[in-house]
């Protein structure tokens, strides 16, 4: 009976539509993390970056009523937050793992503190509501049966997330700057000897990653829901890092991995709605269990940049 319900056309379409929507923030963050890691910097502070951007975007939109301003400042907040990581890991040569984890803790504490200050008389459950991004149906394409509803009825941040995939691929594999950036992740000393400005280019890579993570955070708080609550990123930053590994640091494979994780998330929500008797906690854990499995299986076959996470100290 439950299987018959799940195989209904309307439910399948709902799952696929939700898959595309759920993939948006982790795909944006994963593309940013890919650029950062290809330059040799491991940004484990991605979760905190997204959370900080989510709060800034919500706060700005709630106070000004401007959706565009909220998205732009969320993006900027993500970039600035990641520049802190860049300064500590590139200029001060602080261990990148410690730096990333510290920024996650900082973001969790700061956003909670600012939230309580901004809405002192309100709790997370009754915080002010904002109007999220409105889905934009692409003319003609959205009228295609099934495919149109699944792919062409989303808001512009979702379209942007999928457009960024080929853009990042073209940048990394077809542009001189992208080739130079990838060389930093393999052998920054050799790149330095060839006249490439290692520090400047690594700062640029981290900034790009932060801006995309900021867009991911904006989507979570004002692109798909109506309110902000502390910790609302719910591990999506960590999933984005796992997806980069699962995709073997290649844009198109990362896209497929993001869709797989998003599908599991959409599937477990739909399963709960049809009245399955499995405890919902098990269903909620499915994407994260898969993440652990991917880390175990895929790590042995992955080809990470040789100098990933290793600080470069010029002689």
Protein backbone atom coordinates (compact mmCIF):
# COMPACT_ATOMS: atom_id res chain seq x y z
CA UNK A 1 0.00 0.00 0.00
CA UNK A 2 2.75 2.43 0.94
CA UNK A 3 4.75 1.49 -2.17
CA UNK A 4 1.70 2.13 -4.33
CA UNK A 5 1.33 5.58 -2.79
CA UNK A 6 5.00 6.42 -3.43
CA UNK A 7 4.73 5.33 -7.07
CA UNK A 8 1.89 7.71 -7.84
CA UNK A 9 2.84 10.24 -10.52
CA UNK A 10 2.06 13.29 -8.40
CA UNK A 11 4.21 12.03 -5.53
CA UNK A 12 7.12 11.19 -7.84
CA UNK A 13 6.96 14.69 -9.32
CA UNK A 14 6.84 16.21 -5.83
CA UNK A 15 9.95 14.24 -4.85
CA UNK A 16 11.84 15.34 -7.96
CA UNK A 17 10.83 18.99 -7.55
CA UNK A 18 11.95 18.89 -3.91
CA UNK A 19 15.21 17.21 -4.97
CA UNK A 20 16.12 20.14 -7.21
CA UNK A 21 15.16 22.62 -4.50
CA UNK A 22 17.04 20.81 -1.72
CA UNK A 23 20.13 20.49 -3.92
CA UNK A 24 20.41 24.27 -4.36
CA UNK A 25 22.21 25.31 -1.13
CA UNK A 26 24.54 22.32 -0.94
CA UNK A 27 25.40 22.67 -4.64
CA UNK A 28 26.23 26.37 -4.25
CA UNK A 29 28.36 25.67 -1.19
CA UNK A 30 30.04 22.66 -2.82
CA UNK A 31 31.02 24.66 -5.91
CA UNK A 32 32.57 27.29 -3.67
CA UNK A 33 34.36 24.63 -1.65
CA UNK A 34 35.65 23.07 -4.87
CA UNK A 35 37.29 26.32 -5.94
CA UNK A 36 38.78 26.77 -2.47
CA UNK A 37 40.13 23.24 -2.18
CA UNK A 38 41.51 23.26 -5.72
CA UNK A 39 43.70 26.13 -4.53
CA UNK A 40 44.95 23.99 -1.63
CA UNK A 41 42.85 25.50 1.17
CA UNK A 42 40.42 23.30 3.11
CA UNK A 43 37.52 25.37 4.38
CA UNK A 44 35.99 23.35 7.19
CA UNK A 45 34.25 26.53 8.31
CA UNK A 46 31.69 26.17 5.52
CA UNK A 47 28.84 25.35 7.91
CA UNK A 48 29.52 28.47 9.95
CA UNK A 49 29.85 30.61 6.83
CA UNK A 50 26.45 29.50 5.58
CA UNK A 51 24.87 30.08 9.00
CA UNK A 52 26.32 33.58 9.28
CA UNK A 53 25.14 34.45 5.77
CA UNK A 54 21.68 33.01 6.48
CA UNK A 55 21.29 35.24 9.52
CA UNK A 56 22.61 38.40 7.83
CA UNK A 57 20.37 37.85 4.82
CA UNK A 58 17.30 37.32 6.98
CA UNK A 59 18.08 40.27 9.26
CA UNK A 60 18.63 42.69 6.38
CA UNK A 61 15.52 41.60 4.55
CA UNK A 62 13.36 41.70 7.69
CA UNK A 63 14.56 45.19 8.60
CA UNK A 64 14.62 46.76 5.11
CA UNK A 65 12.09 44.69 3.21
CA UNK A 66 14.54 44.39 0.31
CA UNK A 67 15.04 40.85 -0.91
CA UNK A 68 17.87 41.76 -3.29
CA UNK A 69 19.72 43.66 -0.57
CA UNK A 70 19.32 40.71 1.77
CA UNK A 71 20.78 38.27 -0.76
CA UNK A 72 23.64 40.60 -1.68
CA UNK A 73 24.66 41.28 1.92
CA UNK A 74 24.37 37.57 2.77
CA UNK A 75 26.73 36.85 -0.10
CA UNK A 76 29.08 39.60 1.09
CA UNK A 77 28.93 38.30 4.67
CA UNK A 78 29.98 34.86 3.46
CA UNK A 79 32.93 36.35 1.60
CA UNK A 80 34.09 38.44 4.56
CA UNK A 81 33.73 35.52 6.97
CA UNK A 82 35.88 33.33 4.74
CA UNK A 83 38.51 36.06 4.46
CA UNK A 84 39.05 35.55 8.20
CA UNK A 85 39.84 31.92 7.46
CA UNK A 86 42.10 33.00 4.59
CA UNK A 87 44.05 35.38 6.82
CA UNK A 88 44.53 32.79 9.54
CA UNK A 89 45.42 29.86 7.27
CA UNK A 90 47.31 31.62 4.46
CA UNK A 91 48.98 34.57 6.16
CA UNK A 92 49.37 33.25 9.71
CA UNK A 93 49.75 29.56 8.72
CA UNK A 94 47.33 28.40 11.41
CA UNK A 95 46.23 24.79 11.06
CA UNK A 96 43.31 24.81 8.61
CA UNK A 97 41.30 22.17 10.45
CA UNK A 98 41.46 24.10 13.72
CA UNK A 99 40.66 27.36 11.94
CA UNK A 100 37.59 25.96 10.21
CA UNK A 101 36.18 24.31 13.31
CA UNK A 102 36.79 27.48 15.33
CA UNK A 103 34.87 29.57 12.79
CA UNK A 104 31.95 27.14 12.96
CA UNK A 105 31.77 27.57 16.72
CA UNK A 106 32.12 31.34 16.35
CA UNK A 107 29.28 31.54 13.83
CA UNK A 108 26.98 29.38 15.96
CA UNK A 109 27.56 31.58 19.01
CA UNK A 110 27.49 34.93 17.23
CA UNK A 111 24.29 34.27 15.27
CA UNK A 112 22.49 33.08 18.40
CA UNK A 113 23.70 36.14 20.32
CA UNK A 114 22.73 38.58 17.56
CA UNK A 115 19.36 36.86 17.09
CA UNK A 116 18.53 37.32 20.78
CA UNK A 117 19.59 40.96 20.64
CA UNK A 118 17.65 41.74 17.46
CA UNK A 119 14.52 39.91 18.63
CA UNK A 120 14.84 40.15 22.38
CA UNK A 121 11.16 39.54 23.06
CA UNK A 122 10.77 36.72 20.57
CA UNK A 123 11.94 33.12 20.39
CA UNK A 124 12.98 31.09 17.37
CA UNK A 125 9.46 29.68 17.06
CA UNK A 126 7.80 33.09 16.75
CA UNK A 127 10.47 35.19 15.02
CA UNK A 128 9.29 37.65 12.35
CA UNK A 129 8.36 36.23 8.97
CA UNK A 130 9.69 37.36 5.62
CA UNK A 131 8.48 36.67 2.11
CA UNK A 132 10.82 34.14 0.49
CA UNK A 133 11.92 34.18 -3.12
CA UNK A 134 9.02 33.64 -5.48
CA UNK A 135 9.36 30.74 -7.94
CA UNK A 136 9.74 31.92 -11.51
CA UNK A 137 8.30 29.67 -14.19
CA UNK A 138 10.40 29.87 -17.34
CA UNK A 139 8.05 30.55 -20.27
CA UNK A 140 7.42 27.59 -22.60
CA UNK A 141 9.94 25.34 -20.82
CA UNK A 142 7.80 25.13 -17.69
CA UNK A 143 4.90 23.89 -19.85
CA UNK A 144 6.74 20.69 -20.79
CA UNK A 145 4.98 17.77 -19.07
CA UNK A 146 6.77 16.53 -15.94
CA UNK A 147 10.20 17.87 -16.97
CA UNK A 148 8.98 21.45 -17.02
CA UNK A 149 7.48 21.18 -13.54
CA UNK A 150 10.58 19.49 -12.14
CA UNK A 151 13.26 21.74 -13.65
CA UNK A 152 11.75 25.07 -14.64
CA UNK A 153 9.46 26.17 -11.78
CA UNK A 154 12.01 27.32 -9.19
CA UNK A 155 13.37 30.64 -7.96
CA UNK A 156 16.36 32.34 -9.57
CA UNK A 157 18.87 31.15 -6.94
CA UNK A 158 18.13 27.55 -7.92
CA UNK A 159 18.68 28.33 -11.59
CA UNK A 160 21.89 30.15 -10.67
CA UNK A 161 23.16 27.16 -8.68
CA UNK A 162 22.87 24.85 -11.68
CA UNK A 163 24.28 27.44 -14.09
CA UNK A 164 27.33 27.87 -11.85
CA UNK A 165 28.34 24.22 -12.37
CA UNK A 166 29.41 24.60 -16.04
CA UNK A 167 30.78 28.06 -15.26
CA UNK A 168 33.08 26.63 -12.57
CA UNK A 169 34.07 23.78 -14.89
CA UNK A 170 34.96 26.22 -17.67
CA UNK A 171 36.89 28.42 -15.24
CA UNK A 172 38.95 25.56 -13.77
CA UNK A 173 39.66 23.64 -16.97
CA UNK A 174 39.52 26.16 -19.81
CA UNK A 175 40.91 29.40 -18.39
CA UNK A 176 44.50 30.30 -17.60
CA UNK A 177 43.56 31.63 -14.16
CA UNK A 178 41.79 28.36 -13.37
CA UNK A 179 44.86 26.36 -14.39
CA UNK A 180 47.02 28.53 -12.16
CA UNK A 181 44.58 28.07 -9.30
CA UNK A 182 44.62 24.28 -9.67
CA UNK A 183 48.41 24.33 -9.67
CA UNK A 184 48.33 25.85 -6.17
CA UNK A 185 46.53 22.78 -4.88
CA UNK A 186 49.11 20.44 -6.40
CA UNK A 187 52.47 22.19 -5.92
CA UNK A 188 52.39 25.80 -4.73
CA UNK A 189 56.19 25.99 -4.63
CA UNK A 190 56.47 25.14 -8.31
CA UNK A 191 53.70 27.63 -9.06
CA UNK A 192 55.60 30.29 -7.11
CA UNK A 193 58.75 29.58 -9.12
CA UNK A 194 56.70 30.11 -12.31
CA UNK A 195 55.78 33.61 -11.12
CA UNK A 196 52.25 32.85 -9.87
CA UNK A 197 51.28 34.94 -6.85
CA UNK A 198 50.37 32.12 -4.48
CA UNK A 199 49.04 34.18 -1.60
CA UNK A 200 46.96 36.51 -3.74
CA UNK A 201 45.41 33.71 -5.78
CA UNK A 202 44.61 31.63 -2.70
CA UNK A 203 42.89 34.63 -1.13
CA UNK A 204 40.88 34.98 -4.34
CA UNK A 205 39.86 31.30 -4.24
CA UNK A 206 38.75 31.49 -0.61
CA UNK A 207 36.79 34.67 -1.32
CA UNK A 208 34.98 33.02 -4.24
CA UNK A 209 34.14 30.06 -2.02
CA UNK A 210 32.83 32.39 0.66
CA UNK A 211 30.63 34.33 -1.76
CA UNK A 212 29.02 31.13 -3.03
CA UNK A 213 28.57 29.85 0.52
CA UNK A 214 26.91 33.17 1.28
CA UNK A 215 24.43 32.60 -1.54
CA UNK A 216 23.77 29.13 -0.12
CA UNK A 217 23.05 30.63 3.29
CA UNK A 218 20.76 33.23 1.75
CA UNK A 219 18.78 30.49 0.01
CA UNK A 220 18.31 28.62 3.29
CA UNK A 221 16.94 31.59 5.23
CA UNK A 222 15.17 33.79 2.67
CA UNK A 223 15.14 31.72 -0.49
CA UNK A 224 13.01 28.83 0.68
CA UNK A 225 11.60 29.49 4.18
CA UNK A 226 9.98 32.41 5.96
CA UNK A 227 12.01 32.71 9.15
CA UNK A 228 15.45 32.29 10.70
CA UNK A 229 16.27 30.10 13.66
CA UNK A 230 19.69 29.31 15.17
CA UNK A 231 21.43 26.34 13.61
CA UNK A 232 19.08 26.26 10.64
CA UNK A 233 21.82 25.17 8.20
CA UNK A 234 21.48 21.73 9.87
CA UNK A 235 24.73 20.24 8.60
CA UNK A 236 24.40 21.29 4.95
CA UNK A 237 27.86 22.82 5.04
CA UNK A 238 29.34 19.50 6.12
CA UNK A 239 27.34 17.72 3.42
CA UNK A 240 28.79 20.11 0.83
CA UNK A 241 32.32 19.14 1.92
CA UNK A 242 31.44 15.44 1.68
CA UNK A 243 29.93 16.02 -1.76
CA UNK A 244 33.16 17.58 -3.00
CA UNK A 245 34.99 14.43 -1.88
CA UNK A 246 32.29 12.14 -3.31
CA UNK A 247 32.51 14.03 -6.61
CA UNK A 248 36.29 13.55 -6.67
CA UNK A 249 36.84 17.32 -6.96
CA UNK A 250 35.15 17.43 -10.39
CA UNK A 251 32.19 19.81 -11.01
CA UNK A 252 29.90 17.45 -12.92
CA UNK A 253 30.38 14.59 -10.46
CA UNK A 254 29.72 16.99 -7.60
CA UNK A 255 26.43 17.93 -9.28
CA UNK A 256 25.39 14.26 -9.41
CA UNK A 257 26.39 13.72 -5.77
CA UNK A 258 24.42 16.80 -4.69
CA UNK A 259 21.32 15.53 -6.48
CA UNK A 260 21.69 12.11 -4.86
CA UNK A 261 21.87 13.55 -1.35
CA UNK A 262 19.00 15.93 -2.09
CA UNK A 263 16.91 13.05 -3.46
CA UNK A 264 17.33 11.11 -0.22
CA UNK A 265 16.28 14.17 1.77
CA UNK A 266 13.21 14.72 -0.42
CA UNK A 267 12.38 11.02 -0.37
CA UNK A 268 12.41 10.73 3.43
CA UNK A 269 10.07 13.69 3.75
CA UNK A 270 7.63 12.18 1.28
CA UNK A 271 7.82 8.78 2.99
CA UNK A 272 6.84 10.41 6.28
CA UNK A 273 3.85 12.07 4.61
CA UNK A 274 2.36 8.76 3.41
CA UNK A 275 2.26 7.33 6.93
CA UNK A 276 5.14 4.85 6.97
CA UNK A 277 5.70 3.38 10.44
CA UNK A 278 9.52 3.64 10.50
CA UNK A 279 10.67 6.18 13.14
CA UNK A 280 11.19 9.51 11.41
CA UNK A 281 14.61 9.92 13.06
CA UNK A 282 15.91 7.04 10.95
CA UNK A 283 14.60 8.67 7.79
CA UNK A 284 16.13 12.01 8.74
CA UNK A 285 19.50 10.33 9.21
CA UNK A 286 19.54 8.75 5.72
CA UNK A 287 21.51 11.52 3.93
CA UNK A 288 24.06 11.67 6.74
CA UNK A 289 24.47 7.88 6.87
CA UNK A 290 25.11 7.97 3.14
CA UNK A 291 27.67 10.73 3.73
CA UNK A 292 29.60 8.47 6.11
CA UNK A 293 29.45 5.57 3.65
CA UNK A 294 30.69 7.80 0.84
CA UNK A 295 33.55 9.05 3.00
CA UNK A 296 34.60 5.46 3.76
CA UNK A 297 34.26 4.05 0.24
CA UNK A 298 35.15 7.06 -1.86
CA UNK A 299 38.16 8.27 0.07
CA UNK A 300 40.36 5.39 -1.13
CA UNK A 301 39.56 6.17 -4.77
CA UNK A 302 39.58 9.95 -4.50
CA UNK A 303 42.30 12.06 -6.03
CA UNK A 304 42.55 15.05 -3.73
CA UNK A 305 44.87 17.96 -4.55
CA UNK A 306 48.35 17.01 -3.32
CA UNK A 307 48.84 20.13 -1.19
CA UNK A 308 45.30 20.37 0.18
CA UNK A 309 45.39 21.64 3.75
CA UNK A 310 49.17 22.13 3.74
CA UNK A 311 50.28 25.73 4.44
CA UNK A 312 52.80 27.19 2.02
CA UNK A 313 55.71 29.00 3.62
CA UNK A 314 57.91 30.76 1.10
CA UNK A 315 61.65 30.36 1.70
